[in-house]
């Protein structure tokens, strides 16, 4: 009798033992899956954060290159009206901005031997549009009527955009079309990084002849 029971155990597991083993395996599989999902989510968050850092570093580099190379070179607006020639145009809702907008001419757009069909001067504007910090530019500083700018998206999920101007003190607006401020501050609010502000010295403050 004893030999018969021992023989049955050697031949296989009982139903209860099989069910217990299946339950343990299922729990272990679920735990392993949750750990794997956690690792994947952590990796995705880390990559997203890294991508956002790269994007904002790139945006700030472009902004710095633009604002530190502002030149006192007047340009017409998109209407082509010669009476609307200004060194710097800025204000609330300018250029269809959802907050403030700014436009100026900058130097230093490399064009070796003038091989490219554009100037080494570029008319640049910044605006907040559709939640994006956008940089727009024209191939030539003298805008002709009906000409549309190229648009470059610098940052997504931006909520505010504003500028301040230094000229014997900080001003929240700039209306002098014949003169540049000696300094400009750009401030914007990103959902990812919060409020960011940078100040730039403007090397040329009066219109060139």
N, C-alpha and C. Protein backbone atom coordinates (compact mmCIF):
# COMPACT_ATOMS: atom_id res chain seq x y z
N UNK A 1 0.84 -1.21 0.00
CA UNK A 1 0.00 0.00 0.00
C UNK A 1 0.87 1.25 0.00
N UNK A 2 1.85 1.22 0.89
CA UNK A 2 2.75 2.37 0.97
C UNK A 2 3.53 2.52 -0.32
N UNK A 3 3.94 1.41 -0.89
CA UNK A 3 4.68 1.47 -2.15
C UNK A 3 3.82 2.04 -3.27
N UNK A 4 2.49 1.76 -3.24
CA UNK A 4 1.58 2.26 -4.26
C UNK A 4 1.45 3.78 -4.17
N UNK A 5 1.30 4.34 -2.93
CA UNK A 5 1.18 5.80 -2.75
C UNK A 5 2.47 6.51 -3.17
N UNK A 6 3.60 5.92 -2.81
CA UNK A 6 4.88 6.51 -3.19
C UNK A 6 5.04 6.53 -4.69
N UNK A 7 4.56 5.48 -5.33
CA UNK A 7 4.65 5.39 -6.79
C UNK A 7 3.82 6.48 -7.44
N UNK A 8 2.61 6.75 -6.86
CA UNK A 8 1.75 7.81 -7.41
C UNK A 8 2.42 9.18 -7.30
N UNK A 9 3.12 9.45 -6.16
CA UNK A 9 3.78 10.75 -5.99
C UNK A 9 4.93 10.92 -6.97
N UNK A 10 5.62 9.82 -7.20
CA UNK A 10 6.74 9.89 -8.12
C UNK A 10 6.25 10.16 -9.53
N UNK A 11 5.06 9.62 -9.88
CA UNK A 11 4.53 9.76 -11.23
C UNK A 11 4.09 11.19 -11.56
N UNK A 12 3.69 12.00 -10.61
CA UNK A 12 3.24 13.36 -10.91
C UNK A 12 2.73 14.11 -9.70
N UNK A 13 2.40 15.46 -9.91
CA UNK A 13 1.88 16.29 -8.84
C UNK A 13 0.38 16.07 -8.69
N UNK A 14 -0.10 16.37 -7.51
CA UNK A 14 -1.55 16.35 -7.30
C UNK A 14 -2.15 17.60 -7.93
N UNK A 15 -3.46 17.63 -8.12
CA UNK A 15 -4.15 18.78 -8.70
C UNK A 15 -3.94 20.04 -7.87
N UNK A 16 -3.98 19.91 -6.54
CA UNK A 16 -3.78 21.05 -5.65
C UNK A 16 -2.38 21.63 -5.82
N UNK A 17 -1.39 20.75 -5.92
CA UNK A 17 -0.02 21.22 -6.10
C UNK A 17 0.15 21.95 -7.44
N UNK A 18 -0.51 21.45 -8.47
CA UNK A 18 -0.44 22.10 -9.77
C UNK A 18 -1.07 23.49 -9.72
N UNK A 19 -2.24 23.61 -9.07
CA UNK A 19 -2.92 24.90 -8.95
C UNK A 19 -2.08 25.91 -8.17
N UNK A 20 -1.45 25.43 -7.09
CA UNK A 20 -0.60 26.32 -6.29
C UNK A 20 0.59 26.80 -7.12
N UNK A 21 1.18 25.88 -7.87
CA UNK A 21 2.34 26.24 -8.71
C UNK A 21 1.95 27.26 -9.77
N UNK A 22 0.77 27.05 -10.38
CA UNK A 22 0.29 27.99 -11.40
C UNK A 22 0.06 29.37 -10.79
N UNK A 23 -0.53 29.41 -9.59
CA UNK A 23 -0.80 30.69 -8.92
C UNK A 23 0.50 31.43 -8.60
N UNK A 24 1.48 30.69 -8.09
CA UNK A 24 2.77 31.31 -7.77
C UNK A 24 3.43 31.85 -9.04
N UNK A 25 3.38 31.06 -10.10
CA UNK A 25 3.98 31.49 -11.37
C UNK A 25 3.29 32.75 -11.91
N UNK A 26 1.93 32.79 -11.78
CA UNK A 26 1.18 33.95 -12.25
C UNK A 26 1.56 35.20 -11.46
N UNK A 27 1.69 35.06 -10.14
CA UNK A 27 2.07 36.20 -9.30
C UNK A 27 3.47 36.70 -9.64
N UNK A 28 4.38 35.74 -9.85
CA UNK A 28 5.75 36.12 -10.20
C UNK A 28 5.80 36.81 -11.57
N UNK A 29 5.00 36.30 -12.51
CA UNK A 29 4.95 36.91 -13.84
C UNK A 29 4.39 38.32 -13.78
N UNK A 30 3.34 38.52 -12.96
CA UNK A 30 2.73 39.84 -12.82
C UNK A 30 3.72 40.82 -12.19
N UNK A 31 4.44 40.34 -11.16
CA UNK A 31 5.43 41.21 -10.51
C UNK A 31 6.54 41.58 -11.48
N UNK A 32 7.00 40.60 -12.26
CA UNK A 32 8.06 40.87 -13.23
C UNK A 32 7.58 41.85 -14.30
N UNK A 33 6.32 41.71 -14.72
CA UNK A 33 5.75 42.61 -15.73
C UNK A 33 5.67 44.04 -15.19
N UNK A 34 5.24 44.17 -13.93
CA UNK A 34 5.14 45.50 -13.33
C UNK A 34 6.51 46.16 -13.20
N UNK A 35 7.51 45.35 -12.82
CA UNK A 35 8.88 45.89 -12.73
C UNK A 35 9.36 46.34 -14.10
N UNK A 36 9.10 45.51 -15.12
CA UNK A 36 9.51 45.84 -16.48
C UNK A 36 8.83 47.12 -16.96
N UNK A 37 7.51 47.24 -16.69
CA UNK A 37 6.78 48.44 -17.09
C UNK A 37 7.32 49.67 -16.38
N UNK A 38 7.68 49.50 -15.10
CA UNK A 38 8.26 50.62 -14.37
C UNK A 38 9.58 51.07 -14.96
N UNK A 39 10.40 50.11 -15.36
CA UNK A 39 11.69 50.43 -15.98
C UNK A 39 11.47 51.15 -17.31
N UNK A 40 10.50 50.65 -18.11
CA UNK A 40 10.20 51.27 -19.40
C UNK A 40 9.70 52.70 -19.22
N UNK A 41 8.76 52.89 -18.26
CA UNK A 41 8.22 54.24 -18.01
C UNK A 41 9.33 55.18 -17.54
N UNK A 42 10.19 54.66 -16.65
CA UNK A 42 11.29 55.48 -16.15
C UNK A 42 12.22 55.89 -17.29
N UNK A 43 12.48 54.94 -18.19
CA UNK A 43 13.33 55.24 -19.34
C UNK A 43 12.70 56.27 -20.26
N UNK A 44 11.37 56.14 -20.47
CA UNK A 44 10.67 57.09 -21.33
C UNK A 44 10.67 58.48 -20.73
N UNK A 45 10.43 58.56 -19.40
CA UNK A 45 10.45 59.86 -18.73
C UNK A 45 11.83 60.49 -18.78
N UNK A 46 12.85 59.65 -18.58
CA UNK A 46 14.22 60.15 -18.63
C UNK A 46 14.57 60.68 -20.02
N UNK A 47 14.14 59.95 -21.05
CA UNK A 47 14.41 60.38 -22.43
C UNK A 47 13.66 61.66 -22.75
N UNK A 48 12.38 61.74 -22.29
CA UNK A 48 11.59 62.94 -22.55
C UNK A 48 12.23 64.15 -21.88
N UNK A 49 12.67 63.95 -20.63
CA UNK A 49 13.31 65.05 -19.91
C UNK A 49 14.60 65.47 -20.60
N UNK A 50 15.37 64.48 -21.05
CA UNK A 50 16.61 64.77 -21.76
C UNK A 50 16.34 65.51 -23.07
N UNK A 51 15.30 65.07 -23.79
CA UNK A 51 14.94 65.75 -25.05
C UNK A 51 14.51 67.19 -24.79
N UNK A 52 13.74 67.39 -23.70
CA UNK A 52 13.30 68.75 -23.36
C UNK A 52 14.48 69.65 -23.01
N UNK A 53 15.45 69.09 -22.28
CA UNK A 53 16.64 69.87 -21.93
C UNK A 53 17.42 70.27 -23.18
N UNK A 54 17.57 69.32 -24.10
CA UNK A 54 18.28 69.61 -25.35
C UNK A 54 17.54 70.69 -26.13
N UNK A 55 16.20 70.58 -26.16
CA UNK A 55 15.40 71.54 -26.92
C UNK A 55 15.52 72.95 -26.34
N UNK A 56 15.45 73.06 -25.02
CA UNK A 56 15.51 74.40 -24.43
C UNK A 56 16.93 74.98 -24.52
N UNK A 57 17.94 74.13 -24.43
CA UNK A 57 19.31 74.61 -24.60
C UNK A 57 19.52 75.13 -26.02
N UNK A 58 18.97 74.40 -26.98
CA UNK A 58 19.08 74.82 -28.37
C UNK A 58 18.33 76.14 -28.59
N UNK A 59 17.13 76.25 -28.00
CA UNK A 59 16.33 77.47 -28.14
C UNK A 59 17.06 78.67 -27.54
N UNK A 60 17.65 78.49 -26.35
CA UNK A 60 18.33 79.60 -25.71
C UNK A 60 19.59 80.01 -26.48
N UNK A 61 20.24 79.05 -27.14
CA UNK A 61 21.41 79.38 -27.96
C UNK A 61 21.00 80.23 -29.16
N UNK A 62 19.90 79.87 -29.80
CA UNK A 62 19.41 80.64 -30.95
C UNK A 62 19.00 82.05 -30.51
N UNK A 63 18.29 82.13 -29.38
CA UNK A 63 17.87 83.43 -28.85
C UNK A 63 19.09 84.31 -28.56
N UNK A 64 20.10 83.72 -27.92
CA UNK A 64 21.31 84.48 -27.60
C UNK A 64 22.00 84.97 -28.87
N UNK A 65 22.11 84.11 -29.87
CA UNK A 65 22.75 84.52 -31.12
C UNK A 65 22.00 85.66 -31.79
N UNK A 66 20.67 85.63 -31.73
CA UNK A 66 19.87 86.70 -32.34
C UNK A 66 20.02 88.01 -31.58
N UNK A 67 19.79 87.97 -30.28
CA UNK A 67 19.72 89.21 -29.50
C UNK A 67 21.09 89.86 -29.29
N UNK A 68 22.15 89.08 -29.29
CA UNK A 68 23.48 89.67 -29.10
C UNK A 68 24.05 90.22 -30.41
N UNK A 69 23.37 89.98 -31.52
CA UNK A 69 23.85 90.49 -32.81
C UNK A 69 22.85 91.46 -33.45
N UNK A 70 21.99 92.07 -32.61
CA UNK A 70 21.08 93.09 -33.13
C UNK A 70 21.88 94.25 -33.69
N UNK A 71 21.46 94.74 -34.84
CA UNK A 71 22.16 95.84 -35.50
C UNK A 71 21.17 96.98 -35.75
N UNK A 72 21.67 98.20 -35.69
CA UNK A 72 20.82 99.38 -35.92
C UNK A 72 20.59 99.56 -37.41
N UNK A 73 19.77 98.70 -37.95
CA UNK A 73 19.47 98.73 -39.38
C UNK A 73 17.96 98.73 -39.54
N UNK A 74 17.43 99.85 -40.02
CA UNK A 74 15.98 100.00 -40.13
C UNK A 74 15.44 99.18 -41.29
N UNK A 75 14.20 98.71 -41.14
CA UNK A 75 13.55 97.93 -42.19
C UNK A 75 12.08 98.30 -42.27
N UNK A 76 11.53 98.14 -43.47
CA UNK A 76 10.09 98.34 -43.64
C UNK A 76 9.33 97.18 -43.02
N UNK A 77 8.06 97.43 -42.70
CA UNK A 77 7.21 96.34 -42.25
C UNK A 77 6.62 95.63 -43.47
N UNK A 78 5.73 94.68 -43.23
CA UNK A 78 5.19 93.85 -44.32
C UNK A 78 4.28 94.62 -45.26
N UNK A 79 3.84 95.80 -44.85
CA UNK A 79 3.00 96.60 -45.75
C UNK A 79 3.83 97.23 -46.87
N UNK A 80 5.15 97.29 -46.66
CA UNK A 80 6.02 97.90 -47.66
C UNK A 80 6.04 99.41 -47.60
N UNK A 81 5.36 99.99 -46.63
CA UNK A 81 5.25 101.44 -46.50
C UNK A 81 6.59 102.02 -46.03
N UNK A 82 7.16 102.93 -46.82
CA UNK A 82 8.47 103.51 -46.48
C UNK A 82 8.40 104.37 -45.22
N UNK A 83 7.20 104.78 -44.81
CA UNK A 83 7.08 105.59 -43.60
C UNK A 83 7.09 104.72 -42.35
N UNK A 84 6.94 103.43 -42.51
CA UNK A 84 6.94 102.52 -41.36
C UNK A 84 8.29 101.84 -41.19
N UNK A 85 9.37 102.60 -41.40
CA UNK A 85 10.71 102.06 -41.24
C UNK A 85 11.14 102.21 -39.78
N UNK A 86 11.49 101.10 -39.15
CA UNK A 86 11.85 101.11 -37.74
C UNK A 86 13.05 100.21 -37.50
N UNK A 87 13.81 100.55 -36.46
CA UNK A 87 14.91 99.68 -36.04
C UNK A 87 14.38 98.45 -35.31
N UNK A 88 13.40 98.68 -34.47
CA UNK A 88 12.85 97.60 -33.66
C UNK A 88 11.35 97.82 -33.50
N UNK A 89 10.59 96.79 -33.74
CA UNK A 89 9.14 96.85 -33.58
C UNK A 89 8.73 95.84 -32.51
N UNK A 90 7.96 96.28 -31.53
CA UNK A 90 7.57 95.38 -30.44
C UNK A 90 6.26 95.83 -29.84
N UNK A 91 5.59 94.91 -29.17
CA UNK A 91 4.35 95.26 -28.49
C UNK A 91 3.43 94.08 -28.31
N UNK A 92 2.35 94.34 -27.61
CA UNK A 92 1.34 93.32 -27.35
C UNK A 92 0.64 92.94 -28.64
N UNK A 93 0.48 91.64 -28.84
CA UNK A 93 -0.24 91.08 -30.00
C UNK A 93 0.41 91.38 -31.34
N UNK A 94 1.65 91.85 -31.32
CA UNK A 94 2.36 92.10 -32.57
C UNK A 94 2.60 90.79 -33.31
N UNK A 95 2.43 90.83 -34.63
CA UNK A 95 2.69 89.68 -35.50
C UNK A 95 1.82 88.48 -35.12
N UNK A 96 0.56 88.78 -34.74
CA UNK A 96 -0.42 87.76 -34.34
C UNK A 96 0.02 86.97 -33.12
N UNK A 97 0.87 87.56 -32.30
CA UNK A 97 1.32 86.88 -31.09
C UNK A 97 0.20 86.80 -30.06
N UNK A 98 0.15 85.69 -29.34
CA UNK A 98 -0.83 85.53 -28.27
C UNK A 98 -0.42 86.29 -27.01
N UNK A 99 0.77 86.82 -27.00
CA UNK A 99 1.23 87.70 -25.93
C UNK A 99 2.02 88.83 -26.60
N UNK A 100 3.23 89.07 -26.23
CA UNK A 100 4.02 90.12 -26.87
C UNK A 100 4.81 89.56 -28.06
N UNK A 101 5.20 90.45 -28.95
CA UNK A 101 6.03 90.08 -30.09
C UNK A 101 7.11 91.11 -30.30
N UNK A 102 8.18 90.73 -30.98
CA UNK A 102 9.29 91.65 -31.23
C UNK A 102 9.91 91.33 -32.59
N UNK A 103 10.43 92.38 -33.25
CA UNK A 103 11.08 92.20 -34.55
C UNK A 103 12.26 93.15 -34.65
N UNK A 104 13.38 92.66 -35.20
CA UNK A 104 14.58 93.47 -35.35
C UNK A 104 15.46 92.86 -36.44
N UNK A 105 16.52 93.57 -36.79
CA UNK A 105 17.50 93.06 -37.76
C UNK A 105 18.76 92.65 -37.02
N UNK A 106 19.30 91.51 -37.40
CA UNK A 106 20.54 91.03 -36.79
C UNK A 106 21.60 90.78 -37.86
N UNK A 107 22.83 90.86 -37.41
CA UNK A 107 23.98 90.62 -38.27
C UNK A 107 24.50 89.20 -38.03
N UNK A 108 25.35 88.74 -38.92
CA UNK A 108 26.07 87.50 -38.64
C UNK A 108 25.48 86.24 -39.21
N UNK A 109 24.55 86.35 -40.18
CA UNK A 109 24.03 85.16 -40.83
C UNK A 109 25.00 84.81 -41.95
N UNK A 110 25.85 83.83 -41.70
CA UNK A 110 26.96 83.53 -42.60
C UNK A 110 26.48 83.23 -44.02
N UNK A 111 27.14 83.86 -44.98
CA UNK A 111 26.86 83.63 -46.40
C UNK A 111 28.19 83.72 -47.15
N UNK A 112 29.02 82.66 -47.06
CA UNK A 112 30.37 82.70 -47.64
C UNK A 112 30.35 83.03 -49.12
N UNK A 113 31.12 84.05 -49.49
CA UNK A 113 31.27 84.48 -50.89
C UNK A 113 29.94 84.86 -51.54
N UNK A 114 28.92 85.11 -50.71
CA UNK A 114 27.58 85.46 -51.21
C UNK A 114 27.02 84.41 -52.17
N UNK A 115 27.32 83.15 -51.88
CA UNK A 115 26.86 82.07 -52.76
C UNK A 115 25.38 81.75 -52.56
N UNK A 116 24.86 82.01 -51.36
CA UNK A 116 23.46 81.71 -51.08
C UNK A 116 22.58 82.89 -51.48
N UNK A 117 21.34 82.61 -51.93
CA UNK A 117 20.44 83.69 -52.39
C UNK A 117 19.80 84.45 -51.23
N UNK A 118 20.63 85.04 -50.38
CA UNK A 118 20.12 85.81 -49.25
C UNK A 118 21.23 86.72 -48.74
N UNK A 119 20.84 87.64 -47.86
CA UNK A 119 21.78 88.58 -47.27
C UNK A 119 22.44 87.96 -46.03
N UNK A 120 23.53 88.60 -45.56
CA UNK A 120 24.09 88.19 -44.27
C UNK A 120 23.40 88.91 -43.12
N UNK A 121 22.45 89.79 -43.46
CA UNK A 121 21.55 90.39 -42.47
C UNK A 121 20.23 89.64 -42.52
N UNK A 122 19.59 89.51 -41.38
CA UNK A 122 18.31 88.80 -41.35
C UNK A 122 17.35 89.56 -40.44
N UNK A 123 16.12 89.70 -40.91
CA UNK A 123 15.07 90.33 -40.11
C UNK A 123 14.40 89.22 -39.32
N UNK A 124 14.44 89.33 -38.00
CA UNK A 124 13.97 88.27 -37.11
C UNK A 124 12.83 88.77 -36.24
N UNK A 125 11.89 87.91 -35.98
CA UNK A 125 10.82 88.24 -35.03
C UNK A 125 10.55 87.05 -34.12
N UNK A 126 10.06 87.36 -32.93
CA UNK A 126 9.67 86.34 -31.96
C UNK A 126 8.22 86.58 -31.59
N UNK A 127 7.48 85.48 -31.45
CA UNK A 127 6.09 85.58 -31.05
C UNK A 127 5.66 84.30 -30.34
N UNK A 128 4.53 84.40 -29.63
CA UNK A 128 3.89 83.24 -29.02
C UNK A 128 2.65 82.93 -29.84
N UNK A 129 2.63 81.75 -30.44
CA UNK A 129 1.52 81.40 -31.33
C UNK A 129 1.18 79.92 -31.16
N UNK A 130 -0.10 79.66 -30.87
CA UNK A 130 -0.58 78.28 -30.69
C UNK A 130 0.22 77.54 -29.62
N UNK A 131 0.56 78.27 -28.55
CA UNK A 131 1.31 77.65 -27.45
C UNK A 131 2.77 77.38 -27.77
N UNK A 132 3.26 77.94 -28.87
CA UNK A 132 4.64 77.72 -29.29
C UNK A 132 5.43 79.02 -29.26
N UNK A 133 6.66 78.94 -28.78
CA UNK A 133 7.58 80.07 -28.94
C UNK A 133 8.15 79.95 -30.34
N UNK A 134 7.77 80.89 -31.20
CA UNK A 134 8.16 80.82 -32.60
C UNK A 134 9.17 81.91 -32.95
N UNK A 135 10.11 81.53 -33.76
CA UNK A 135 11.07 82.47 -34.35
C UNK A 135 10.77 82.54 -35.85
N UNK A 136 10.49 83.73 -36.32
CA UNK A 136 10.24 83.91 -37.75
C UNK A 136 11.35 84.78 -38.34
N UNK A 137 11.67 84.55 -39.59
CA UNK A 137 12.73 85.33 -40.21
C UNK A 137 12.48 85.49 -41.71
N UNK A 138 13.05 86.56 -42.25
CA UNK A 138 12.96 86.86 -43.68
C UNK A 138 14.35 86.73 -44.30
N UNK A 139 14.41 86.26 -45.52
CA UNK A 139 15.70 86.06 -46.19
C UNK A 139 16.42 87.38 -46.43
N UNK A 140 15.65 88.47 -46.53
CA UNK A 140 16.24 89.79 -46.73
C UNK A 140 15.66 90.75 -45.69
N UNK A 141 16.47 91.69 -45.19
CA UNK A 141 15.98 92.59 -44.14
C UNK A 141 14.91 93.57 -44.60
N UNK A 142 14.90 93.92 -45.89
CA UNK A 142 13.88 94.82 -46.41
C UNK A 142 12.68 94.00 -46.88
N UNK A 143 11.65 94.01 -46.07
CA UNK A 143 10.47 93.20 -46.34
C UNK A 143 9.63 93.87 -47.42
N UNK A 144 9.20 93.10 -48.38
CA UNK A 144 8.33 93.63 -49.43
C UNK A 144 6.89 93.26 -49.11
N UNK A 145 5.96 94.02 -49.67
CA UNK A 145 4.54 93.80 -49.39
C UNK A 145 4.14 92.37 -49.76
N UNK A 146 3.45 91.72 -48.83
CA UNK A 146 2.95 90.37 -49.07
C UNK A 146 3.94 89.26 -48.80
N UNK A 147 5.18 89.61 -48.47
CA UNK A 147 6.18 88.57 -48.22
C UNK A 147 5.90 87.86 -46.90
N UNK A 148 5.98 86.54 -46.90
CA UNK A 148 5.72 85.75 -45.71
C UNK A 148 7.04 85.25 -45.11
N UNK A 149 7.13 85.26 -43.79
CA UNK A 149 8.38 84.80 -43.16
C UNK A 149 8.45 83.28 -43.06
N UNK A 150 9.67 82.78 -42.91
CA UNK A 150 9.87 81.38 -42.54
C UNK A 150 9.63 81.26 -41.04
N UNK A 151 9.05 80.14 -40.61
CA UNK A 151 8.72 79.96 -39.19
C UNK A 151 9.49 78.79 -38.61
N UNK A 152 10.11 79.03 -37.47
CA UNK A 152 10.88 78.01 -36.76
C UNK A 152 10.30 77.87 -35.35
N UNK A 153 9.88 76.67 -34.98
CA UNK A 153 9.33 76.43 -33.65
C UNK A 153 10.49 76.15 -32.69
N UNK A 154 10.66 77.01 -31.70
CA UNK A 154 11.74 76.84 -30.73
C UNK A 154 11.31 75.98 -29.55
N UNK A 155 10.10 76.23 -29.02
CA UNK A 155 9.63 75.50 -27.85
C UNK A 155 8.13 75.29 -27.94
N UNK A 156 7.68 74.15 -27.40
CA UNK A 156 6.25 73.85 -27.29
C UNK A 156 5.81 74.15 -25.85
N UNK A 157 4.49 74.20 -25.66
CA UNK A 157 3.88 74.36 -24.32
C UNK A 157 4.40 75.60 -23.61
N UNK A 158 4.39 76.72 -24.31
CA UNK A 158 4.78 78.00 -23.73
C UNK A 158 3.52 78.82 -23.48
N UNK A 159 3.42 79.43 -22.31
CA UNK A 159 2.19 80.11 -21.91
C UNK A 159 2.30 81.64 -21.96
N UNK A 160 3.47 82.19 -21.72
CA UNK A 160 3.63 83.64 -21.70
C UNK A 160 4.92 84.04 -22.41
N UNK A 161 4.91 85.24 -22.97
CA UNK A 161 6.10 85.80 -23.61
C UNK A 161 6.09 87.31 -23.42
N UNK A 162 7.16 87.85 -22.89
CA UNK A 162 7.22 89.30 -22.67
C UNK A 162 8.66 89.79 -22.81
N UNK A 163 8.78 91.11 -22.98
CA UNK A 163 10.09 91.73 -23.17
C UNK A 163 10.17 93.00 -22.32
N UNK A 164 11.38 93.31 -21.87
CA UNK A 164 11.65 94.59 -21.23
C UNK A 164 12.86 95.21 -21.90
N UNK A 165 12.92 96.56 -21.81
CA UNK A 165 13.93 97.29 -22.57
C UNK A 165 14.66 98.25 -21.63
N UNK A 166 15.99 98.23 -21.67
CA UNK A 166 16.78 99.10 -20.81
C UNK A 166 17.21 100.34 -21.56
N UNK A 167 16.85 101.49 -21.02
CA UNK A 167 17.31 102.77 -21.52
C UNK A 167 17.16 103.76 -20.37
N UNK A 168 18.22 103.88 -19.57
CA UNK A 168 18.17 104.67 -18.34
C UNK A 168 17.08 104.15 -17.41
N UNK A 169 16.95 102.86 -17.36
CA UNK A 169 15.93 102.20 -16.54
C UNK A 169 15.14 101.21 -17.39
N UNK A 170 14.50 100.24 -16.73
CA UNK A 170 13.73 99.23 -17.45
C UNK A 170 12.38 99.78 -17.87
N UNK A 171 12.00 99.48 -19.11
CA UNK A 171 10.69 99.87 -19.65
C UNK A 171 9.99 98.61 -20.15
N UNK A 172 8.67 98.59 -20.01
CA UNK A 172 7.90 97.43 -20.45
C UNK A 172 7.44 97.54 -21.90
N UNK A 173 7.72 98.68 -22.53
CA UNK A 173 7.37 98.85 -23.95
C UNK A 173 8.45 99.69 -24.63
N UNK A 174 8.49 99.59 -25.96
CA UNK A 174 9.48 100.35 -26.71
C UNK A 174 8.82 100.91 -27.97
N UNK A 175 8.76 102.24 -28.05
CA UNK A 175 8.06 102.89 -29.16
C UNK A 175 8.95 103.75 -30.03
N UNK A 176 10.23 103.86 -29.69
CA UNK A 176 11.15 104.69 -30.45
C UNK A 176 11.70 103.89 -31.64
N UNK A 177 11.19 104.17 -32.82
CA UNK A 177 11.61 103.43 -34.00
C UNK A 177 12.95 103.84 -34.55
N UNK A 178 13.53 104.95 -34.04
CA UNK A 178 14.80 105.45 -34.55
C UNK A 178 15.98 105.10 -33.64
N UNK A 179 15.70 104.40 -32.58
CA UNK A 179 16.75 104.11 -31.60
C UNK A 179 16.54 102.71 -31.03
N UNK A 180 17.63 102.06 -30.68
CA UNK A 180 17.56 100.75 -30.02
C UNK A 180 17.78 100.92 -28.52
N UNK A 181 17.19 100.08 -27.71
CA UNK A 181 17.52 100.09 -26.28
C UNK A 181 18.94 99.58 -26.09
N UNK A 182 19.53 99.86 -24.95
CA UNK A 182 20.88 99.36 -24.68
C UNK A 182 20.87 97.94 -24.13
N UNK A 183 19.71 97.47 -23.75
CA UNK A 183 19.57 96.10 -23.28
C UNK A 183 18.15 95.60 -23.47
N UNK A 184 18.00 94.29 -23.66
CA UNK A 184 16.68 93.68 -23.82
C UNK A 184 16.60 92.44 -22.94
N UNK A 185 15.48 92.29 -22.26
CA UNK A 185 15.22 91.08 -21.48
C UNK A 185 14.05 90.32 -22.11
N UNK A 186 14.24 89.05 -22.36
CA UNK A 186 13.16 88.19 -22.83
C UNK A 186 12.75 87.26 -21.69
N UNK A 187 11.45 87.13 -21.47
CA UNK A 187 10.92 86.24 -20.44
C UNK A 187 9.79 85.42 -21.03
N UNK A 188 9.79 84.14 -20.72
CA UNK A 188 8.68 83.29 -21.14
C UNK A 188 8.45 82.21 -20.09
N UNK A 189 7.24 81.69 -20.08
CA UNK A 189 6.86 80.66 -19.12
C UNK A 189 6.60 79.36 -19.85
N UNK A 190 7.35 78.34 -19.48
CA UNK A 190 7.21 77.01 -20.06
C UNK A 190 6.53 76.08 -19.05
N UNK A 191 5.60 75.27 -19.52
CA UNK A 191 4.94 74.31 -18.63
C UNK A 191 5.95 73.33 -18.04
N UNK A 192 6.99 73.04 -18.78
CA UNK A 192 7.98 72.07 -18.35
C UNK A 192 9.00 72.67 -17.38
N UNK A 193 9.46 73.90 -17.66
CA UNK A 193 10.58 74.47 -16.90
C UNK A 193 10.22 75.72 -16.11
N UNK A 194 8.97 76.17 -16.18
CA UNK A 194 8.57 77.36 -15.44
C UNK A 194 9.02 78.64 -16.14
N UNK A 195 9.22 79.70 -15.36
CA UNK A 195 9.58 80.99 -15.95
C UNK A 195 11.08 81.07 -16.22
N UNK A 196 11.42 81.52 -17.41
CA UNK A 196 12.81 81.65 -17.82
C UNK A 196 13.03 83.07 -18.33
N UNK A 197 14.09 83.72 -17.88
CA UNK A 197 14.41 85.08 -18.30
C UNK A 197 15.88 85.17 -18.66
N UNK A 198 16.17 85.94 -19.70
CA UNK A 198 17.55 86.20 -20.09
C UNK A 198 17.68 87.67 -20.49
N UNK A 199 18.80 88.28 -20.12
CA UNK A 199 19.07 89.67 -20.49
C UNK A 199 20.23 89.73 -21.47
N UNK A 200 20.12 90.64 -22.44
CA UNK A 200 21.16 90.77 -23.46
C UNK A 200 21.52 92.24 -23.65
N UNK A 201 22.81 92.49 -23.81
CA UNK A 201 23.29 93.83 -24.10
C UNK A 201 23.21 94.07 -25.60
N UNK A 202 22.63 95.20 -25.99
CA UNK A 202 22.54 95.57 -27.40
C UNK A 202 23.71 96.49 -27.71
N UNK A 203 24.56 96.07 -28.63
CA UNK A 203 25.80 96.81 -28.88
C UNK A 203 25.57 98.11 -29.64
N UNK A 204 24.55 98.13 -30.52
CA UNK A 204 24.26 99.34 -31.29
C UNK A 204 22.92 99.91 -30.84
N UNK A 205 22.91 101.18 -30.47
CA UNK A 205 21.67 101.77 -29.96
C UNK A 205 21.13 102.90 -30.82
N UNK A 206 21.87 103.29 -31.86
CA UNK A 206 21.39 104.36 -32.73
C UNK A 206 21.43 103.92 -34.18
N UNK A 207 20.54 104.48 -34.96
CA UNK A 207 20.47 104.08 -36.36
C UNK A 207 21.74 104.46 -37.10
N UNK A 208 22.19 103.50 -37.93
CA UNK A 208 23.34 103.80 -38.78
C UNK A 208 22.92 104.64 -39.96
N UNK A 209 23.88 105.31 -40.57
CA UNK A 209 23.58 106.18 -41.71
C UNK A 209 23.62 105.40 -43.01
